[in-house]
Protein backbone atom coordinates (compact mmCIF):
# COMPACT_ATOMS: atom_id res chain seq x y z
CA MET A 1 124.10 47.66 70.91
CA PRO A 2 127.00 46.37 73.06
CA THR A 3 127.23 47.55 76.64
CA ASN A 4 130.35 48.32 78.66
CA ASN A 5 131.22 47.01 82.11
CA PHE A 6 131.58 50.43 83.73
CA ILE A 7 128.36 50.05 85.73
CA ASN A 8 125.46 47.65 86.13
CA LYS A 9 123.21 50.07 84.25
CA ASN A 10 122.13 49.84 80.64
CA LEU A 11 124.53 52.45 79.31
CA SER A 12 125.90 51.48 75.92
CA ASP A 13 129.29 52.48 74.59
CA GLU A 14 127.52 55.04 72.40
CA ASP A 15 125.76 56.46 75.46
CA ILE A 16 129.12 56.88 77.16
CA LYS A 17 130.55 58.66 74.11
CA ARG A 18 127.52 60.97 73.94
CA LEU A 19 128.06 62.02 77.56
CA HIS A 20 131.73 62.71 76.83
CA ARG A 21 130.89 64.83 73.82
CA LYS A 22 128.45 67.01 75.77
CA MET A 23 130.95 67.46 78.62
CA LEU A 24 133.62 68.45 76.11
CA LEU A 25 131.26 70.92 74.45
CA ILE A 26 130.68 72.63 77.79
CA ARG A 27 134.41 72.73 78.54
CA LYS A 28 135.30 74.25 75.16
CA CYS A 29 132.55 76.88 75.36
CA GLU A 30 133.63 77.89 78.84
CA GLU A 31 137.30 78.04 77.92
CA HIS A 32 136.46 80.44 75.10
CA LEU A 33 134.35 82.62 77.39
CA GLY A 34 137.13 82.68 79.97
CA GLU A 35 139.60 84.04 77.43
CA ALA A 36 137.10 86.38 75.79
CA THR A 37 136.12 88.09 79.03
CA LYS A 38 139.77 88.91 79.75
CA ASN A 39 139.85 90.70 76.41
CA GLY A 40 136.71 92.69 77.20
CA ALA A 41 134.84 91.01 74.35
CA PHE A 42 131.36 91.37 75.85
CA PRO A 43 129.50 93.25 78.58
CA GLY A 44 129.12 91.89 82.09
CA ALA A 45 130.71 89.13 84.11
CA VAL A 46 130.89 85.41 83.44
CA HIS A 47 130.95 82.60 86.00
CA LEU A 48 132.28 79.39 84.48
CA TYR A 49 131.24 75.76 84.96
CA ILE A 50 134.68 74.28 84.30
CA GLY A 51 135.30 71.31 86.59
CA GLN A 52 131.63 70.57 87.25
CA GLU A 53 130.56 69.08 83.89
CA ALA A 54 130.00 65.57 85.25
CA ILE A 55 126.97 66.76 87.25
CA ALA A 56 124.67 68.45 84.74
CA VAL A 57 125.44 66.25 81.72
CA PRO A 58 124.42 62.78 83.01
CA LEU A 59 121.32 64.17 84.72
CA CYS A 60 120.08 66.26 81.79
CA ASP A 61 120.80 63.38 79.41
CA GLN A 62 117.89 61.59 81.09
CA LEU A 63 115.50 64.53 80.73
CA GLU A 64 113.13 65.56 77.94
CA ASP A 65 112.36 69.04 76.62
CA THR A 66 109.15 68.83 78.64
CA ASP A 67 111.11 68.50 81.90
CA TRP A 68 112.20 71.68 83.66
CA ILE A 69 115.52 72.86 85.03
CA SER A 70 116.32 76.01 86.97
CA SER A 71 119.90 77.18 87.16
CA THR A 72 122.39 79.48 88.86
CA HIS A 73 124.69 82.36 87.91
CA ARG A 74 127.05 79.55 86.76
CA GLY A 75 124.46 78.39 84.25
CA HIS A 76 126.09 77.89 80.83
CA GLY A 77 126.85 74.25 81.61
CA HIS A 78 123.26 73.54 82.62
CA PHE A 79 121.98 75.30 79.49
CA ILE A 80 124.17 73.22 77.18
CA ALA A 81 123.55 69.97 79.07
CA LYS A 82 119.77 70.43 78.68
CA GLY A 83 120.11 70.87 74.92
CA GLY A 84 120.29 74.65 74.60
CA ASP A 85 121.63 76.02 71.31
CA ILE A 86 125.23 77.18 71.76
CA LYS A 87 124.94 79.72 68.93
CA GLN A 88 122.04 81.41 70.68
CA MET A 89 123.84 81.13 74.01
CA MET A 90 127.00 82.77 72.67
CA ALA A 91 124.98 85.51 71.00
CA GLU A 92 123.17 86.14 74.28
CA ILE A 93 126.40 86.44 76.24
CA TYR A 94 127.79 88.78 73.58
CA GLY A 95 124.62 90.88 73.94
CA LYS A 96 123.34 90.34 70.41
CA SER A 97 119.80 90.37 69.03
CA THR A 98 120.08 86.70 67.99
CA GLY A 99 120.69 85.66 71.59
CA VAL A 100 118.29 83.24 73.21
CA CYS A 101 116.89 86.15 75.26
CA GLY A 102 117.41 88.78 72.59
CA GLY A 103 120.64 89.96 74.17
CA LYS A 104 118.88 91.26 77.27
CA GLY A 105 119.75 88.55 79.76
CA GLY A 106 123.46 88.09 79.25
CA SER A 107 125.59 85.42 80.86
CA MET A 108 123.65 85.01 84.11
CA HIS A 109 120.17 84.77 82.61
CA VAL A 110 120.27 82.32 79.69
CA ALA A 111 116.87 80.65 79.37
CA ASP A 112 114.84 78.72 76.80
CA PHE A 113 111.36 77.57 77.76
CA LYS A 114 111.12 75.47 74.59
CA LYS A 115 113.91 73.33 76.00
CA GLY A 116 112.53 73.35 79.53
CA ILE A 117 115.22 75.77 80.71
CA ILE A 118 113.48 78.15 83.11
CA GLY A 119 116.68 80.13 83.31
CA ALA A 120 119.88 80.94 85.09
CA ASN A 121 119.64 83.35 88.00
CA GLY A 122 121.95 86.03 89.36
CA VAL A 123 120.41 85.79 92.84
CA VAL A 124 121.79 83.07 95.12
CA ALA A 125 119.05 80.41 95.42
CA GLY A 126 116.85 82.63 93.26
CA GLY A 127 115.75 79.73 91.06
CA MET A 128 114.61 77.53 93.95
CA GLY A 129 111.02 78.76 94.10
CA LEU A 130 110.74 78.77 90.32
CA ALA A 131 111.69 75.10 90.16
CA VAL A 132 109.18 74.16 92.87
CA GLY A 133 106.49 76.01 90.94
CA ALA A 134 107.41 74.07 87.82
CA ALA A 135 107.26 70.82 89.81
CA LEU A 136 103.78 71.70 91.04
CA ALA A 137 102.67 72.47 87.48
CA ALA A 138 104.14 69.15 86.30
CA LYS A 139 102.28 67.25 89.02
CA MET A 140 98.99 68.94 88.11
CA ASP A 141 99.62 68.29 84.41
CA LYS A 142 99.99 64.53 85.11
CA LYS A 143 102.25 63.88 82.13
CA GLY A 144 105.23 62.55 84.09
CA ALA A 145 107.49 65.59 83.84
CA VAL A 146 110.05 66.40 86.53
CA SER A 147 111.64 69.64 87.72
CA VAL A 148 115.32 70.06 88.65
CA ILE A 149 116.95 72.81 90.68
CA PHE A 150 120.74 73.15 90.43
CA PHE A 151 122.23 75.18 93.27
CA GLY A 152 125.55 75.62 95.03
CA ASP A 153 126.72 75.01 98.58
CA GLY A 154 126.28 78.72 99.29
CA ALA A 155 122.64 78.60 98.23
CA ALA A 156 122.13 75.65 100.56
CA ASN A 157 122.35 78.15 103.43
CA GLN A 158 119.43 80.21 102.14
CA GLY A 159 116.10 79.81 103.93
CA VAL A 160 114.21 79.19 100.69
CA LEU A 161 115.79 75.72 100.55
CA MET A 162 113.94 74.71 103.72
CA GLU A 163 110.70 76.03 102.30
CA ALA A 164 111.28 74.20 99.02
CA LEU A 165 112.11 70.92 100.76
CA ASN A 166 109.06 71.20 102.98
CA ILE A 167 106.51 71.93 100.26
CA SER A 168 108.05 69.40 97.84
CA SER A 169 107.76 66.64 100.43
CA LEU A 170 104.35 67.73 101.71
CA TRP A 171 102.84 67.82 98.23
CA ASN A 172 104.87 64.87 96.90
CA LEU A 173 106.23 66.92 94.00
CA PRO A 174 108.38 65.50 91.15
CA MET A 175 111.29 67.65 92.30
CA ILE A 176 115.02 66.92 92.08
CA PHE A 177 117.36 69.00 94.26
CA VAL A 178 120.97 69.00 93.01
CA CYS A 179 123.48 70.71 95.28
CA GLU A 180 126.72 71.24 93.36
CA ASN A 181 129.06 71.47 96.33
CA ASN A 182 132.14 72.99 94.69
CA GLN A 183 133.69 73.88 98.08
CA TYR A 184 133.55 77.65 97.70
CA SER A 185 130.88 80.28 98.30
CA GLU A 186 132.31 83.12 96.23
CA PHE A 187 135.66 83.67 98.00
CA THR A 188 135.02 81.69 101.19
CA HIS A 189 135.60 77.97 101.73
CA THR A 190 132.43 76.07 102.51
CA SER A 191 133.86 74.79 105.79
CA GLU A 192 133.87 78.35 107.13
CA VAL A 193 130.19 79.07 106.49
CA THR A 194 128.37 75.73 106.38
CA SER A 195 127.70 73.44 109.34
CA GLY A 196 127.14 69.72 108.91
CA LYS A 197 126.40 67.77 105.74
CA ILE A 198 124.22 69.58 103.26
CA SER A 199 122.49 66.37 102.17
CA ASP A 200 121.34 65.81 105.76
CA ARG A 201 119.07 68.83 105.47
CA ALA A 202 116.65 66.84 103.33
CA ARG A 203 116.32 63.90 105.72
CA PRO A 204 113.88 65.47 108.25
CA PHE A 205 111.51 65.97 105.33
CA ASN A 206 111.67 62.24 104.48
CA ILE A 207 113.33 62.99 101.15
CA PRO A 208 115.70 60.27 99.83
CA THR A 209 119.25 61.56 99.47
CA HIS A 210 122.39 60.73 97.51
CA ASP A 211 125.80 61.96 98.66
CA ILE A 212 128.11 61.33 95.71
CA ASP A 213 131.36 62.09 93.93
CA GLY A 214 130.17 64.77 91.52
CA ASN A 215 133.26 64.34 89.33
CA ASN A 216 132.30 60.74 88.53
CA VAL A 217 129.95 60.71 85.54
CA ILE A 218 128.49 57.32 86.30
CA ASP A 219 127.91 57.95 90.00
CA MET A 220 125.92 60.98 88.93
CA TRP A 221 124.11 58.99 86.25
CA GLN A 222 122.98 56.39 88.77
CA ALA A 223 121.79 58.95 91.32
CA SER A 224 120.00 60.89 88.58
CA SER A 225 118.35 57.76 87.23
CA HIS A 226 116.90 57.01 90.66
CA ALA A 227 115.71 60.60 91.10
CA VAL A 228 114.12 60.90 87.65
CA ARG A 229 112.39 57.54 88.02
CA ARG A 230 110.92 58.53 91.37
CA GLY A 231 109.68 61.82 89.98
CA ARG A 232 108.05 60.28 86.93
CA ASN A 233 106.38 57.59 89.06
CA ASN A 234 104.82 60.16 91.40
CA GLU A 235 107.05 59.04 94.29
CA GLY A 236 108.10 62.54 95.30
CA PRO A 237 111.32 64.57 95.52
CA THR A 238 114.96 63.44 95.70
CA PHE A 239 118.02 65.29 97.00
CA ILE A 240 121.50 64.87 95.47
CA GLU A 241 124.63 66.42 96.94
CA ALA A 242 127.37 66.17 94.31
CA HIS A 243 130.85 66.95 95.61
CA THR A 244 132.99 68.71 93.01
CA TYR A 245 135.45 71.58 92.65
CA ARG A 246 135.32 75.00 91.04
CA GLN A 247 138.49 75.11 88.96
CA ARG A 248 138.07 78.74 87.95
CA GLY A 249 137.39 81.80 90.05
CA HIS A 250 134.03 82.84 91.37
CA VAL A 251 133.99 85.33 88.51
CA GLU A 252 136.53 85.54 85.70
CA PHE A 253 137.87 89.04 86.40
CA GLU A 254 138.13 88.65 90.17
CA TYR A 255 141.89 89.13 89.94
CA THR A 256 141.21 92.81 89.17
CA PHE A 257 139.70 93.56 92.58
CA LEU A 258 141.00 90.93 95.02
CA SER A 259 144.00 92.07 97.06
CA ARG A 260 145.06 88.49 97.82
CA SER A 261 144.27 84.94 96.77
CA TYR A 262 141.73 83.03 98.83
CA ARG A 263 143.08 79.59 97.88
CA ASP A 264 146.47 78.09 97.09
CA GLN A 265 147.34 77.36 93.48
CA SER A 266 148.51 73.91 94.59
CA GLU A 267 144.92 73.14 95.58
CA VAL A 268 143.62 74.15 92.17
CA ASP A 269 146.36 72.15 90.44
CA LEU A 270 145.42 69.07 92.47
CA TRP A 271 141.86 69.19 91.14
CA LYS A 272 143.07 69.60 87.58
CA ARG A 273 144.83 66.22 87.60
CA ASP A 274 143.43 63.45 85.41
CA ASP A 275 142.28 61.47 88.45
CA LYS A 276 140.09 64.37 89.65
CA ASP A 277 139.16 66.63 86.73
CA PRO A 278 135.83 65.15 85.52
CA LEU A 279 136.57 65.47 81.81
CA LEU A 280 140.14 64.17 81.93
CA ARG A 281 139.06 61.39 84.26
CA PHE A 282 136.34 60.34 81.85
CA GLU A 283 138.67 60.48 78.85
CA LYS A 284 141.17 58.35 80.74
CA TYR A 285 138.46 55.75 81.23
CA LEU A 286 137.48 55.86 77.56
CA LEU A 287 141.07 55.12 76.60
CA GLU A 288 141.55 52.40 79.21
CA GLN A 289 138.40 50.61 78.04
CA SER A 290 139.39 51.00 74.37
CA LEU A 291 136.22 52.94 73.62
CA TYR A 292 138.52 55.52 72.07
CA ILE A 293 142.14 55.63 71.02
CA LYS A 294 144.18 58.79 71.49
CA ASN A 295 143.51 59.93 67.92
CA ASP A 296 139.76 59.67 68.57
CA ILE A 297 140.05 61.99 71.56
CA GLU A 298 142.10 64.47 69.56
CA ARG A 299 139.63 64.34 66.68
CA MET A 300 136.71 64.92 69.01
CA HIS A 301 138.45 67.92 70.57
CA LYS A 302 138.95 69.44 67.12
CA GLU A 303 135.35 68.80 66.07
CA ILE A 304 133.98 70.40 69.21
CA GLN A 305 136.36 73.34 68.95
CA ASP A 306 135.17 73.93 65.38
CA GLU A 307 131.58 73.89 66.62
CA VAL A 308 132.38 76.43 69.31
CA ASP A 309 134.28 78.64 66.85
CA GLU A 310 131.24 78.60 64.56
CA ALA A 311 129.00 79.65 67.45
CA VAL A 312 131.34 82.51 68.34
CA SER A 313 131.44 83.64 64.72
CA PHE A 314 127.64 83.61 64.65
CA ALA A 315 127.57 85.80 67.74
CA LEU A 316 130.18 88.25 66.48
CA ASN A 317 128.42 88.64 63.14
CA SER A 318 124.98 89.16 64.67
CA SER A 319 123.41 92.59 64.99
CA GLU A 320 123.04 94.60 68.16
CA PRO A 321 119.52 94.70 69.64
CA ASP A 322 117.30 97.50 68.36
CA PRO A 323 117.04 100.16 71.11
CA GLU A 324 113.29 100.31 70.49
CA THR A 325 112.98 96.75 71.85
CA ALA A 326 114.46 97.70 75.24
CA ILE A 327 111.17 97.68 77.13
CA LEU A 328 109.66 94.69 75.38
CA HIS A 329 109.04 91.66 77.61
CA MET A 330 109.44 93.87 80.68
CA ILE A 331 105.96 95.34 81.12
CA GLU A 332 102.67 93.58 80.45
CA GLU A 333 100.39 95.82 78.42
């Protein structure tokens, strides 16, 4: 299979197209959820991954179902990137019985152990300890699996990160720390609450670090490749700080309770340009390298939109959970 000249890594043209398709699938799902929540289509809040797709997709593309990921409240992108079923995800967010968690978890708790998805988490840094536990289990299992924790710049200020870095290094765990630094902790710019470089926090624990452009698919692919290889070879943990931008709000209906904006629209518009937005930037490359022509991009957008529409239809036509199942999975008998 022919290879492109984008990087000195064995990524074929088909590999590149596969990454684009998965990023586009995330974008289309999130765009639907953004509109649906404004219309009160489902219970609870949604936190969207739009603008951060170039982080989860290239990393998860190198993982197997037997590898573990732990996520955040902004977890739909991680779920899809790891191979989660979008029909089950949509049904879960819509609170239906066919949801991946039976409609009980909702947007912030999508999980699928069969796919190695320990779950999203509504608590800041709440998945950190879970991922370390999975890494320990993987090390004891001796089958070469790795564990990944996705977390934001806000979670980097939680004490559990220090504990996780310490034990991962001490026990040489196959752990991959991925800080998605999207520049905002809820409604506060990172510069106001975070001192120094986040990636530097791993260095005292002798953990190799990568400080990268998180909106560049291939930069993330290369860093991920190094981290996954180290984990599978029993070489210990790796820390990746991926710099990106949260194009949408902290939560989709924040405009209903915020008295003023916490960032200028011009800043958001800047990050939506085709030289910064990870999806547009990648599509621009695909066109420049003649991997696609414009009609190919348009066709792909339609195909993915049809797939998302089918998933939404599945969710809408699914039944509500039986009230008698409310306490199932909550109490061990």
